[in-house]
């Protein structure tokens, strides 16, 4: 039984993830109206606030989000499974260029 209120859709979008004042890379692999799953090589903790920066066409956006859960995979298993985070999206704004 699906716990989510909104259906997820698969995608593959390269993003920048800003946490603790540092920029990291990641890939959104699925998205819904209220959340994202982001593959990332770094471990994060539930409750952390992050910014997700992404492009859509010729526009850039910044989404403020809260990490709801984190999938940490031991280094020796990275060939089998990837680390990632599930985030709740809170606010998205367009970045003016």
C-alpha atoms as a PDB file:
ATOM      1  CA  UNK A   1       0.000   0.000   0.000  1.00  0.00           C
ATOM      2  CA  UNK A   2       1.379   3.399  -1.055  1.00  0.00           C
ATOM      3  CA  UNK A   3       1.824   5.841   1.878  1.00  0.00           C
ATOM      4  CA  UNK A   4       2.351   8.891  -0.291  1.00  0.00           C
ATOM      5  CA  UNK A   5      -0.416  11.404  -0.874  1.00  0.00           C
ATOM      6  CA  UNK A   6       0.853  12.183  -4.383  1.00  0.00           C
ATOM      7  CA  UNK A   7       1.976   9.780  -7.102  1.00  0.00           C
ATOM      8  CA  UNK A   8       5.672   9.617  -7.911  1.00  0.00           C
ATOM      9  CA  UNK A   9       7.081   9.848 -11.413  1.00  0.00           C
ATOM     10  CA  UNK A  10      10.461   8.531 -12.491  1.00  0.00           C
ATOM     11  CA  UNK A  11      12.957  11.023 -13.865  1.00  0.00           C
ATOM     12  CA  UNK A  12      16.688  11.627 -14.088  1.00  0.00           C
ATOM     13  CA  UNK A  13      17.659  15.233 -13.366  1.00  0.00           C
ATOM     14  CA  UNK A  14      21.143  16.403 -12.391  1.00  0.00           C
ATOM     15  CA  UNK A  15      20.985  18.896  -9.511  1.00  0.00           C
ATOM     16  CA  UNK A  16      23.121  20.851  -7.083  1.00  0.00           C
ATOM     17  CA  UNK A  17      22.409  20.231  -3.431  1.00  0.00           C
ATOM     18  CA  UNK A  18      23.370  22.914  -0.904  1.00  0.00           C
ATOM     19  CA  UNK A  19      23.691  21.846   2.733  1.00  0.00           C
ATOM     20  CA  UNK A  20      25.633  23.488   5.538  1.00  0.00           C
ATOM     21  CA  UNK A  21      26.883  26.159   3.156  1.00  0.00           C
ATOM     22  CA  UNK A  22      28.530  23.582   0.874  1.00  0.00           C
ATOM     23  CA  UNK A  23      27.487  22.575  -2.619  1.00  0.00           C
ATOM     24  CA  UNK A  24      27.200  18.910  -3.625  1.00  0.00           C
ATOM     25  CA  UNK A  25      25.944  17.113  -6.711  1.00  0.00           C
ATOM     26  CA  UNK A  26      23.048  14.714  -6.941  1.00  0.00           C
ATOM     27  CA  UNK A  27      20.480  13.160  -9.245  1.00  0.00           C
ATOM     28  CA  UNK A  28      16.716  13.317  -8.769  1.00  0.00           C
ATOM     29  CA  UNK A  29      15.445   9.849  -9.702  1.00  0.00           C
ATOM     30  CA  UNK A  30      11.775  10.312  -8.839  1.00  0.00           C
ATOM     31  CA  UNK A  31       9.537  13.206  -7.932  1.00  0.00           C
ATOM     32  CA  UNK A  32       6.035  13.932  -6.695  1.00  0.00           C
ATOM     33  CA  UNK A  33       4.126  17.115  -5.994  1.00  0.00           C
ATOM     34  CA  UNK A  34       5.539  17.229  -2.441  1.00  0.00           C
ATOM     35  CA  UNK A  35       8.836  15.389  -2.533  1.00  0.00           C
ATOM     36  CA  UNK A  36      11.929  14.104  -4.293  1.00  0.00           C
ATOM     37  CA  UNK A  37      14.288  11.163  -4.070  1.00  0.00           C
ATOM     38  CA  UNK A  38      17.853  12.315  -4.666  1.00  0.00           C
ATOM     39  CA  UNK A  39      20.799   9.978  -5.221  1.00  0.00           C
ATOM     40  CA  UNK A  40      23.887  11.433  -3.600  1.00  0.00           C
ATOM     41  CA  UNK A  41      27.244  10.038  -2.540  1.00  0.00           C
ATOM     42  CA  UNK A  42      27.221  11.885   0.793  1.00  0.00           C
ATOM     43  CA  UNK A  43      25.432  10.843   3.983  1.00  0.00           C
ATOM     44  CA  UNK A  44      22.789  13.214   5.346  1.00  0.00           C
ATOM     45  CA  UNK A  45      20.573  13.118   8.431  1.00  0.00           C
ATOM     46  CA  UNK A  46      16.804  13.264   8.646  1.00  0.00           C
ATOM     47  CA  UNK A  47      15.629  16.730   9.636  1.00  0.00           C
ATOM     48  CA  UNK A  48      18.423  18.627   7.860  1.00  0.00           C
ATOM     49  CA  UNK A  49      17.373  21.536   5.669  1.00  0.00           C
ATOM     50  CA  UNK A  50      18.815  21.667   2.145  1.00  0.00           C
ATOM     51  CA  UNK A  51      18.425  23.640  -1.064  1.00  0.00           C
ATOM     52  CA  UNK A  52      17.989  21.830  -4.363  1.00  0.00           C
ATOM     53  CA  UNK A  53      19.064  23.825  -7.424  1.00  0.00           C
ATOM     54  CA  UNK A  54      17.938  22.554 -10.818  1.00  0.00           C
ATOM     55  CA  UNK A  55      17.218  23.657 -14.368  1.00  0.00           C
ATOM     56  CA  UNK A  56      14.087  23.243 -16.433  1.00  0.00           C
ATOM     57  CA  UNK A  57      14.488  24.392 -19.999  1.00  0.00           C
ATOM     58  CA  UNK A  58      16.262  27.739 -19.857  1.00  0.00           C
ATOM     59  CA  UNK A  59      15.155  28.533 -16.292  1.00  0.00           C
ATOM     60  CA  UNK A  60      16.865  27.780 -12.969  1.00  0.00           C
ATOM     61  CA  UNK A  61      15.044  27.046  -9.722  1.00  0.00           C
ATOM     62  CA  UNK A  62      15.871  26.765  -6.022  1.00  0.00           C
ATOM     63  CA  UNK A  63      13.777  24.491  -3.828  1.00  0.00           C
ATOM     64  CA  UNK A  64      14.010  24.670  -0.045  1.00  0.00           C
ATOM     65  CA  UNK A  65      13.494  21.169   1.333  1.00  0.00           C
ATOM     66  CA  UNK A  66      13.717  19.085   4.498  1.00  0.00           C
ATOM     67  CA  UNK A  67      15.339  15.678   4.516  1.00  0.00           C
ATOM     68  CA  UNK A  68      12.719  13.193   5.723  1.00  0.00           C
ATOM     69  CA  UNK A  69      14.882  10.074   5.515  1.00  0.00           C
ATOM     70  CA  UNK A  70      18.316   9.003   4.366  1.00  0.00           C
ATOM     71  CA  UNK A  71      19.500   5.735   2.813  1.00  0.00           C
ATOM     72  CA  UNK A  72      23.104   5.184   3.841  1.00  0.00           C
ATOM     73  CA  UNK A  73      24.879   2.341   2.083  1.00  0.00           C
ATOM     74  CA  UNK A  74      28.279   1.050   3.217  1.00  0.00           C
ATOM     75  CA  UNK A  75      31.032   1.879   0.721  1.00  0.00           C
ATOM     76  CA  UNK A  76      31.634  -1.783  -0.139  1.00  0.00           C
ATOM     77  CA  UNK A  77      28.034  -2.050  -1.452  1.00  0.00           C
ATOM     78  CA  UNK A  78      27.972   1.114  -3.610  1.00  0.00           C
ATOM     79  CA  UNK A  79      28.162  -1.000  -6.769  1.00  0.00           C
ATOM     80  CA  UNK A  80      24.875  -2.658  -5.736  1.00  0.00           C
ATOM     81  CA  UNK A  81      22.941   0.254  -4.220  1.00  0.00           C
ATOM     82  CA  UNK A  82      23.286   4.012  -4.104  1.00  0.00           C
ATOM     83  CA  UNK A  83      22.998   6.376  -1.161  1.00  0.00           C
ATOM     84  CA  UNK A  84      20.146   8.796  -1.310  1.00  0.00           C
ATOM     85  CA  UNK A  85      17.712  11.037   0.511  1.00  0.00           C
ATOM     86  CA  UNK A  86      13.976  11.537   0.482  1.00  0.00           C
ATOM     87  CA  UNK A  87      13.071  15.206   0.827  1.00  0.00           C
ATOM     88  CA  UNK A  88       9.864  17.097   1.476  1.00  0.00           C
ATOM     89  CA  UNK A  89       9.750  20.143  -0.786  1.00  0.00           C
ATOM     90  CA  UNK A  90       8.742  23.300   1.039  1.00  0.00           C
ATOM     91  CA  UNK A  91       9.166  26.237  -1.334  1.00  0.00           C
ATOM     92  CA  UNK A  92      10.403  26.652  -4.916  1.00  0.00           C
ATOM     93  CA  UNK A  93      11.499  29.964  -6.440  1.00  0.00           C
ATOM     94  CA  UNK A  94      12.948  30.852  -9.802  1.00  0.00           C
ATOM     95  CA  UNK A  95      16.551  32.074  -9.756  1.00  0.00           C
ATOM     96  CA  UNK A  96      16.940  35.231 -11.802  1.00  0.00           C
ATOM     97  CA  UNK A  97      19.958  35.314 -14.086  1.00  0.00           C
END
